[in-house]
Amino acid sequence: MHDVKAVIIVAADAEWLVVTGHYGVQEEACRPYDHFLHTFSGVGGSISVEFVHSGCGKVPAAATTQYAIDTWHPSLVVNLGTCGGMDPLLGVGDIVTAEKTVIYDLCERSGGQEDMVRRYTTDLMPIASLPNCILRCGTIITADQDVDPAQVEQLRATYGAIAADWESGAVAHVAHNINHVKCGVLKVVSDIVSSGGSAIYAQEAAFENCVAAVVPGLLHLLPLLLMAHLYERDARRCDDATIS
């Protein structure tokens, strides 16, 4: 089995610090385009994975995605990180995968707002759940801001959003729509956003603590999820994937 290259794009500094720590990579600073190579191997084969730090927001995420595709020519691009849960059935630590991403903070005041949003909406093949890991699948909305609590119900009604972040819509648009590269989104819920707000809003330390608590669980499952998604096989055939 030939190696299959994948690129994992990680946005927030707090997320990147957890990722590098998990894989024993020494990082002196969190700079955009910082990257490292790691290989996952198991019964399904081996995958060479380039982890890349983009920084937060749609512009750096889009730029990093194009840079990664031009540099490593991956078979798969995955945006990995945290998200704010908007579905009342979600809880902190739940893992979400996108079947659709929507960039919703576009404001066309001259008209054509719906067409503009539709242009930056991306339909994706969701990453499949594993036998012992249920992934919540749905629409993840993206903006250069945390979700306004006053808009939660409207956003859920308009887009069917179950979660929100700062970058997946940009990564998906550049990878899937522009470059026609297979793309996936894997997010773990760091907080629940409702009309009453979020427990971590205006508390940077609280966000960092949440990231440190929930991201390692996602990283533990990552080799299995990648192999199942790349090889499009029954995930049970990849049960013995190990980190090497």
C-alpha atoms as a PDB file:
ATOM      1  CA  MET A   1       0.000   0.000   0.000  1.00  0.00           C
ATOM      2  CA  HIS A   2       1.453   3.341  -1.036  1.00  0.00           C
ATOM      3  CA  ASP A   3       1.512   6.176   1.478  1.00  0.00           C
ATOM      4  CA  VAL A   4      -1.249   8.718   1.097  1.00  0.00           C
ATOM      5  CA  LYS A   5      -0.478  12.309   1.980  1.00  0.00           C
ATOM      6  CA  ALA A   6      -2.918  14.350   4.036  1.00  0.00           C
ATOM      7  CA  VAL A   7      -2.717  17.888   5.365  1.00  0.00           C
ATOM      8  CA  ILE A   8      -4.249  18.844   8.707  1.00  0.00           C
ATOM      9  CA  ILE A   9      -4.876  22.577   9.125  1.00  0.00           C
ATOM     10  CA  VAL A  10      -5.030  23.855  12.709  1.00  0.00           C
ATOM     11  CA  ALA A  11      -5.984  27.471  13.315  1.00  0.00           C
ATOM     12  CA  ALA A  12      -5.912  28.770  16.892  1.00  0.00           C
ATOM     13  CA  ASP A  13      -2.638  29.153  18.771  1.00  0.00           C
ATOM     14  CA  ALA A  14      -4.093  27.267  21.746  1.00  0.00           C
ATOM     15  CA  GLU A  15      -5.065  24.366  19.476  1.00  0.00           C
ATOM     16  CA  TRP A  16      -1.632  24.297  17.825  1.00  0.00           C
ATOM     17  CA  LEU A  17       0.120  24.148  21.200  1.00  0.00           C
ATOM     18  CA  VAL A  18      -1.974  21.120  22.180  1.00  0.00           C
ATOM     19  CA  VAL A  19      -1.307  19.415  18.836  1.00  0.00           C
ATOM     20  CA  THR A  20       2.458  19.955  18.944  1.00  0.00           C
ATOM     21  CA  GLY A  21       2.576  18.841  22.561  1.00  0.00           C
ATOM     22  CA  HIS A  22       0.582  15.704  21.775  1.00  0.00           C
ATOM     23  CA  TYR A  23       3.072  14.634  19.105  1.00  0.00           C
ATOM     24  CA  GLY A  24       6.175  15.751  21.019  1.00  0.00           C
ATOM     25  CA  VAL A  25       7.068  18.560  18.618  1.00  0.00           C
ATOM     26  CA  GLN A  26       9.064  21.403  20.120  1.00  0.00           C
ATOM     27  CA  GLU A  27       7.694  24.782  19.035  1.00  0.00           C
ATOM     28  CA  GLU A  28       9.251  28.055  20.169  1.00  0.00           C
ATOM     29  CA  ALA A  29       6.472  30.183  18.716  1.00  0.00           C
ATOM     30  CA  CYS A  30       3.096  29.926  17.016  1.00  0.00           C
ATOM     31  CA  ARG A  31       3.665  31.302  13.523  1.00  0.00           C
ATOM     32  CA  PRO A  32       1.435  30.860  10.490  1.00  0.00           C
ATOM     33  CA  TYR A  33       2.709  28.089   8.216  1.00  0.00           C
ATOM     34  CA  ASP A  34       4.582  26.375  11.053  1.00  0.00           C
ATOM     35  CA  HIS A  35       4.335  22.694  10.177  1.00  0.00           C
ATOM     36  CA  PHE A  36       5.584  19.227  10.983  1.00  0.00           C
ATOM     37  CA  LEU A  37       5.318  15.778   9.414  1.00  0.00           C
ATOM     38  CA  HIS A  38       3.907  12.758  11.210  1.00  0.00           C
ATOM     39  CA  THR A  39       3.172   9.233   9.999  1.00  0.00           C
ATOM     40  CA  PHE A  40       0.234   7.124  11.105  1.00  0.00           C
ATOM     41  CA  SER A  41       0.350   3.401  10.334  1.00  0.00           C
ATOM     42  CA  GLY A  42      -1.950   0.432  10.736  1.00  0.00           C
ATOM     43  CA  VAL A  43      -3.514  -2.507   8.957  1.00  0.00           C
ATOM     44  CA  GLY A  44      -4.933  -0.221   6.269  1.00  0.00           C
ATOM     45  CA  GLY A  45      -1.517   1.165   5.323  1.00  0.00           C
ATOM     46  CA  SER A  46       0.397   4.258   6.326  1.00  0.00           C
ATOM     47  CA  ILE A  47      -0.430   7.921   5.975  1.00  0.00           C
ATOM     48  CA  SER A  48       2.098  10.719   5.903  1.00  0.00           C
ATOM     49  CA  VAL A  49       0.372  13.715   7.457  1.00  0.00           C
ATOM     50  CA  GLU A  50       1.563  17.311   7.381  1.00  0.00           C
ATOM     51  CA  PHE A  51       0.172  19.379  10.252  1.00  0.00           C
ATOM     52  CA  VAL A  52       0.080  23.103   9.442  1.00  0.00           C
ATOM     53  CA  HIS A  53      -0.710  26.095  11.653  1.00  0.00           C
ATOM     54  CA  SER A  54      -2.782  28.759   9.889  1.00  0.00           C
ATOM     55  CA  GLY A  55      -3.766  31.246  12.564  1.00  0.00           C
ATOM     56  CA  CYS A  56      -7.373  32.286  13.182  1.00  0.00           C
ATOM     57  CA  GLY A  57      -9.771  33.693  10.615  1.00  0.00           C
ATOM     58  CA  LYS A  58     -10.915  33.035   7.075  1.00  0.00           C
ATOM     59  CA  VAL A  59      -8.109  34.865   5.260  1.00  0.00           C
ATOM     60  CA  PRO A  60      -5.184  33.031   6.914  1.00  0.00           C
ATOM     61  CA  ALA A  61      -7.094  29.740   6.717  1.00  0.00           C
ATOM     62  CA  ALA A  62      -7.701  30.170   2.986  1.00  0.00           C
ATOM     63  CA  ALA A  63      -4.107  31.230   2.343  1.00  0.00           C
ATOM     64  CA  THR A  64      -2.732  28.308   4.334  1.00  0.00           C
ATOM     65  CA  THR A  65      -4.963  25.860   2.496  1.00  0.00           C
ATOM     66  CA  GLN A  66      -3.740  27.040  -0.896  1.00  0.00           C
ATOM     67  CA  TYR A  67      -0.115  27.062   0.315  1.00  0.00           C
ATOM     68  CA  ALA A  68      -0.479  23.515   1.627  1.00  0.00           C
ATOM     69  CA  ILE A  69      -2.043  22.225  -1.586  1.00  0.00           C
ATOM     70  CA  ASP A  70       0.635  23.868  -3.739  1.00  0.00           C
ATOM     71  CA  THR A  71       3.443  22.627  -1.486  1.00  0.00           C
ATOM     72  CA  TRP A  72       2.462  19.039  -0.611  1.00  0.00           C
ATOM     73  CA  HIS A  73      -0.213  18.115  -3.195  1.00  0.00           C
ATOM     74  CA  PRO A  74      -2.268  16.189  -0.623  1.00  0.00           C
ATOM     75  CA  SER A  75      -5.017  13.697  -1.355  1.00  0.00           C
ATOM     76  CA  LEU A  76      -6.967  15.033   1.621  1.00  0.00           C
ATOM     77  CA  VAL A  77      -7.173  18.328   3.504  1.00  0.00           C
ATOM     78  CA  VAL A  78      -8.735  18.327   6.979  1.00  0.00           C
ATOM     79  CA  ASN A  79      -9.530  21.327   9.133  1.00  0.00           C
ATOM     80  CA  LEU A  80      -9.093  20.144  12.721  1.00  0.00           C
ATOM     81  CA  GLY A  81      -9.799  22.112  15.872  1.00  0.00           C
ATOM     82  CA  THR A  82     -12.564  23.354  18.128  1.00  0.00           C
ATOM     83  CA  CYS A  83     -15.996  24.814  17.526  1.00  0.00           C
ATOM     84  CA  GLY A  84     -18.848  26.388  19.413  1.00  0.00           C
ATOM     85  CA  GLY A  85     -21.801  24.046  19.668  1.00  0.00           C
ATOM     86  CA  MET A  86     -25.176  25.526  18.681  1.00  0.00           C
ATOM     87  CA  ASP A  87     -27.353  22.421  18.761  1.00  0.00           C
ATOM     88  CA  PRO A  88     -28.864  21.922  22.236  1.00  0.00           C
ATOM     89  CA  LEU A  89     -28.178  18.188  21.902  1.00  0.00           C
ATOM     90  CA  LEU A  90     -24.417  18.785  21.684  1.00  0.00           C
ATOM     91  CA  GLY A  91     -22.154  18.796  24.712  1.00  0.00           C
ATOM     92  CA  VAL A  92     -18.606  19.933  25.398  1.00  0.00           C
ATOM     93  CA  GLY A  93     -16.211  17.286  24.081  1.00  0.00           C
ATOM     94  CA  ASP A  94     -18.552  15.992  21.359  1.00  0.00           C
ATOM     95  CA  ILE A  95     -16.947  15.569  17.939  1.00  0.00           C
ATOM     96  CA  VAL A  96     -18.565  17.221  14.930  1.00  0.00           C
ATOM     97  CA  THR A  97     -17.938  16.645  11.234  1.00  0.00           C
ATOM     98  CA  ALA A  98     -19.301  18.842   8.459  1.00  0.00           C
ATOM     99  CA  GLU A  99     -21.531  17.725   5.632  1.00  0.00           C
ATOM    100  CA  LYS A 100     -21.805  21.384   4.692  1.00  0.00           C
ATOM    101  CA  THR A 101     -19.919  24.576   5.529  1.00  0.00           C
ATOM    102  CA  VAL A 102     -21.413  28.054   5.181  1.00  0.00           C
ATOM    103  CA  ILE A 103     -19.599  31.388   5.349  1.00  0.00           C
ATOM    104  CA  TYR A 104     -22.368  33.516   6.809  1.00  0.00           C
ATOM    105  CA  ASP A 105     -20.765  36.886   7.619  1.00  0.00           C
ATOM    106  CA  LEU A 106     -21.109  38.188   4.058  1.00  0.00           C
ATOM    107  CA  CYS A 107     -23.132  41.382   3.767  1.00  0.00           C
ATOM    108  CA  GLU A 108     -24.220  42.395   0.259  1.00  0.00           C
ATOM    109  CA  ARG A 109     -26.169  45.589   0.905  1.00  0.00           C
ATOM    110  CA  SER A 110     -26.957  46.174  -2.769  1.00  0.00           C
ATOM    111  CA  GLY A 111     -28.882  42.914  -2.942  1.00  0.00           C
ATOM    112  CA  GLY A 112     -28.078  39.324  -3.798  1.00  0.00           C
ATOM    113  CA  GLN A 113     -27.204  38.343  -0.236  1.00  0.00           C
ATOM    114  CA  GLU A 114     -28.521  34.787  -0.618  1.00  0.00           C
ATOM    115  CA  ASP A 115     -26.578  34.266  -3.846  1.00  0.00           C
ATOM    116  CA  MET A 116     -23.398  35.513  -2.187  1.00  0.00           C
ATOM    117  CA  VAL A 117     -23.734  33.126   0.753  1.00  0.00           C
ATOM    118  CA  ARG A 118     -24.613  30.275  -1.606  1.00  0.00           C
ATOM    119  CA  ARG A 119     -21.420  30.920  -3.577  1.00  0.00           C
ATOM    120  CA  TYR A 120     -19.361  30.284  -0.448  1.00  0.00           C
ATOM    121  CA  THR A 121     -21.308  27.258   0.738  1.00  0.00           C
ATOM    122  CA  THR A 122     -19.556  23.903   0.350  1.00  0.00           C
ATOM    123  CA  ASP A 123     -21.073  20.414   0.418  1.00  0.00           C
ATOM    124  CA  LEU A 124     -18.654  17.839   1.806  1.00  0.00           C
ATOM    125  CA  MET A 125     -18.452  14.115   2.340  1.00  0.00           C
ATOM    126  CA  PRO A 126     -18.683  13.865   6.145  1.00  0.00           C
ATOM    127  CA  ILE A 127     -16.057  11.852   7.970  1.00  0.00           C
ATOM    128  CA  ALA A 128     -17.626   8.574   9.055  1.00  0.00           C
ATOM    129  CA  SER A 129     -18.169   7.577  12.654  1.00  0.00           C
ATOM    130  CA  LEU A 130     -16.220   4.675  14.106  1.00  0.00           C
ATOM    131  CA  PRO A 131     -17.830   1.756  15.935  1.00  0.00           C
ATOM    132  CA  ASN A 132     -16.943   3.274  19.316  1.00  0.00           C
ATOM    133  CA  CYS A 133     -16.988   6.933  18.310  1.00  0.00           C
ATOM    134  CA  ILE A 134     -20.132   8.691  17.161  1.00  0.00           C
ATOM    135  CA  LEU A 135     -19.529  11.872  15.191  1.00  0.00           C
ATOM    136  CA  ARG A 136     -22.301  14.435  14.943  1.00  0.00           C
ATOM    137  CA  CYS A 137     -22.764  15.369  11.302  1.00  0.00           C
ATOM    138  CA  GLY A 138     -24.291  18.625  10.089  1.00  0.00           C
ATOM    139  CA  THR A 139     -23.714  22.187   8.924  1.00  0.00           C
ATOM    140  CA  ILE A 140     -20.868  24.201  10.412  1.00  0.00           C
ATOM    141  CA  ILE A 141     -21.038  27.957   9.867  1.00  0.00           C
ATOM    142  CA  THR A 142     -17.969  30.176   9.623  1.00  0.00           C
ATOM    143  CA  ALA A 143     -17.308  33.855  10.308  1.00  0.00           C
ATOM    144  CA  ASP A 144     -14.491  36.091  11.504  1.00  0.00           C
ATOM    145  CA  GLN A 145     -16.181  36.317  14.884  1.00  0.00           C
ATOM    146  CA  ASP A 146     -17.657  34.234  17.637  1.00  0.00           C
ATOM    147  CA  VAL A 147     -21.380  33.673  17.272  1.00  0.00           C
ATOM    148  CA  ASP A 148     -23.484  36.538  18.566  1.00  0.00           C
ATOM    149  CA  PRO A 149     -25.832  35.019  21.178  1.00  0.00           C
ATOM    150  CA  ALA A 150     -28.632  37.228  19.840  1.00  0.00           C
ATOM    151  CA  GLN A 151     -28.302  35.503  16.442  1.00  0.00           C
ATOM    152  CA  VAL A 152     -28.087  31.873  17.539  1.00  0.00           C
ATOM    153  CA  GLU A 153     -31.710  30.955  16.857  1.00  0.00           C
ATOM    154  CA  GLN A 154     -31.773  32.848  13.553  1.00  0.00           C
ATOM    155  CA  LEU A 155     -28.583  31.143  12.358  1.00  0.00           C
ATOM    156  CA  ARG A 156     -29.883  27.744  13.337  1.00  0.00           C
ATOM    157  CA  ALA A 157     -33.154  28.375  11.522  1.00  0.00           C
ATOM    158  CA  THR A 158     -31.560  29.888   8.395  1.00  0.00           C
ATOM    159  CA  TYR A 159     -28.658  27.494   7.855  1.00  0.00           C
ATOM    160  CA  GLY A 160     -29.486  24.474  10.012  1.00  0.00           C
ATOM    161  CA  ALA A 161     -26.232  25.123  11.849  1.00  0.00           C
ATOM    162  CA  ILE A 162     -25.168  22.748  14.589  1.00  0.00           C
ATOM    163  CA  ALA A 163     -21.815  24.449  15.269  1.00  0.00           C
ATOM    164  CA  ALA A 164     -19.730  27.493  14.373  1.00  0.00           C
ATOM    165  CA  ASP A 165     -16.056  28.298  13.903  1.00  0.00           C
ATOM    166  CA  TRP A 166     -13.669  30.797  12.290  1.00  0.00           C
ATOM    167  CA  GLU A 167     -12.123  28.824   9.426  1.00  0.00           C
ATOM    168  CA  SER A 168     -13.756  25.617   8.143  1.00  0.00           C
ATOM    169  CA  GLY A 169     -15.813  27.393   5.482  1.00  0.00           C
ATOM    170  CA  ALA A 170     -12.676  28.989   4.037  1.00  0.00           C
ATOM    171  CA  VAL A 171     -10.657  25.754   4.113  1.00  0.00           C
ATOM    172  CA  ALA A 172     -13.475  23.803   2.475  1.00  0.00           C
ATOM    173  CA  HIS A 173     -14.066  26.434  -0.222  1.00  0.00           C
ATOM    174  CA  VAL A 174     -10.404  26.621  -1.252  1.00  0.00           C
ATOM    175  CA  ALA A 175      -9.743  22.875  -1.067  1.00  0.00           C
ATOM    176  CA  HIS A 176     -12.979  21.435  -2.432  1.00  0.00           C
ATOM    177  CA  ASN A 177     -14.513  24.130  -4.614  1.00  0.00           C
ATOM    178  CA  ILE A 178     -11.394  25.710  -6.097  1.00  0.00           C
ATOM    179  CA  ASN A 179      -8.764  22.933  -6.111  1.00  0.00           C
ATOM    180  CA  HIS A 180     -11.087  19.894  -6.187  1.00  0.00           C
ATOM    181  CA  VAL A 181      -9.154  18.240  -3.369  1.00  0.00           C
ATOM    182  CA  LYS A 182     -10.989  15.953  -0.983  1.00  0.00           C
ATOM    183  CA  CYS A 183     -11.727  17.871   2.195  1.00  0.00           C
ATOM    184  CA  GLY A 184     -13.032  17.040   5.653  1.00  0.00           C
ATOM    185  CA  VAL A 185     -13.794  18.970   8.830  1.00  0.00           C
ATOM    186  CA  LEU A 186     -13.219  17.518  12.296  1.00  0.00           C
ATOM    187  CA  LYS A 187     -14.110  19.728  15.246  1.00  0.00           C
ATOM    188  CA  VAL A 188     -14.530  19.080  18.938  1.00  0.00           C
ATOM    189  CA  VAL A 189     -16.997  21.221  20.871  1.00  0.00           C
ATOM    190  CA  SER A 190     -15.226  23.617  23.242  1.00  0.00           C
ATOM    191  CA  ASP A 191     -18.328  25.443  24.463  1.00  0.00           C
ATOM    192  CA  ILE A 192     -22.064  25.667  23.940  1.00  0.00           C
ATOM    193  CA  VAL A 193     -23.416  28.940  22.537  1.00  0.00           C
ATOM    194  CA  SER A 194     -27.027  29.869  23.190  1.00  0.00           C
ATOM    195  CA  SER A 195     -29.096  33.027  23.408  1.00  0.00           C
ATOM    196  CA  GLY A 196     -27.722  33.322  26.930  1.00  0.00           C
ATOM    197  CA  GLY A 197     -24.127  33.417  25.699  1.00  0.00           C
ATOM    198  CA  SER A 198     -21.206  31.055  26.247  1.00  0.00           C
ATOM    199  CA  ALA A 199     -19.276  30.067  29.348  1.00  0.00           C
ATOM    200  CA  ILE A 200     -15.985  31.063  27.736  1.00  0.00           C
ATOM    201  CA  TYR A 201     -16.886  34.395  26.147  1.00  0.00           C
ATOM    202  CA  ALA A 202     -14.614  37.210  27.390  1.00  0.00           C
ATOM    203  CA  GLN A 203     -12.498  34.617  29.183  1.00  0.00           C
ATOM    204  CA  GLU A 204      -9.415  33.730  27.134  1.00  0.00           C
ATOM    205  CA  ALA A 205      -8.003  31.498  29.857  1.00  0.00           C
ATOM    206  CA  ALA A 206     -11.264  29.551  29.943  1.00  0.00           C
ATOM    207  CA  PHE A 207     -11.024  28.927  26.183  1.00  0.00           C
ATOM    208  CA  GLU A 208      -7.427  27.757  26.489  1.00  0.00           C
ATOM    209  CA  ASN A 209      -8.372  25.417  29.329  1.00  0.00           C
ATOM    210  CA  CYS A 210     -11.246  23.985  27.280  1.00  0.00           C
ATOM    211  CA  VAL A 211      -8.962  23.418  24.298  1.00  0.00           C
ATOM    212  CA  ALA A 212      -6.423  21.630  26.482  1.00  0.00           C
ATOM    213  CA  ALA A 213      -9.206  19.437  27.883  1.00  0.00           C
ATOM    214  CA  VAL A 214     -11.024  18.400  24.686  1.00  0.00           C
ATOM    215  CA  VAL A 215      -8.529  18.381  21.792  1.00  0.00           C
ATOM    216  CA  PRO A 216      -6.417  15.394  22.987  1.00  0.00           C
ATOM    217  CA  GLY A 217      -9.452  13.114  22.718  1.00  0.00           C
ATOM    218  CA  LEU A 218      -9.903  14.131  19.089  1.00  0.00           C
ATOM    219  CA  LEU A 219      -6.210  13.565  18.352  1.00  0.00           C
ATOM    220  CA  HIS A 220      -6.400  10.086  19.866  1.00  0.00           C
ATOM    221  CA  LEU A 221      -9.069   9.142  17.302  1.00  0.00           C
ATOM    222  CA  LEU A 222      -7.476  10.959  14.366  1.00  0.00           C
ATOM    223  CA  PRO A 223      -5.464   8.036  12.862  1.00  0.00           C
ATOM    224  CA  LEU A 224      -8.535   5.813  12.703  1.00  0.00           C
ATOM    225  CA  LEU A 225     -10.733   8.551  11.262  1.00  0.00           C
ATOM    226  CA  LEU A 226      -8.162   9.463   8.605  1.00  0.00           C
ATOM    227  CA  MET A 227      -7.637   5.891   7.466  1.00  0.00           C
ATOM    228  CA  ALA A 228     -11.344   5.211   7.245  1.00  0.00           C
ATOM    229  CA  HIS A 229     -11.931   8.426   5.283  1.00  0.00           C
ATOM    230  CA  LEU A 230      -8.978   8.113   2.917  1.00  0.00           C
ATOM    231  CA  TYR A 231      -9.293   4.461   2.088  1.00  0.00           C
ATOM    232  CA  GLU A 232     -13.120   4.520   2.186  1.00  0.00           C
ATOM    233  CA  ARG A 233     -13.216   1.170   3.895  1.00  0.00           C
ATOM    234  CA  ASP A 234     -15.074  -0.282   6.810  1.00  0.00           C
ATOM    235  CA  ALA A 235     -13.538   1.528   9.779  1.00  0.00           C
ATOM    236  CA  ARG A 236     -13.297  -1.768  11.649  1.00  0.00           C
ATOM    237  CA  ARG A 237     -10.476  -2.830   9.310  1.00  0.00           C
ATOM    238  CA  CYS A 238      -8.423   0.028  10.715  1.00  0.00           C
ATOM    239  CA  ASP A 239      -9.013  -0.815  14.374  1.00  0.00           C
ATOM    240  CA  ASP A 240      -5.351  -1.471  15.071  1.00  0.00           C
ATOM    241  CA  ALA A 241      -3.993   1.794  13.630  1.00  0.00           C
ATOM    242  CA  THR A 242      -1.150   3.028  15.796  1.00  0.00           C
ATOM    243  CA  ILE A 243       0.955   6.151  16.027  1.00  0.00           C
ATOM    244  CA  SER A 244       4.531   5.585  14.887  1.00  0.00           C
END
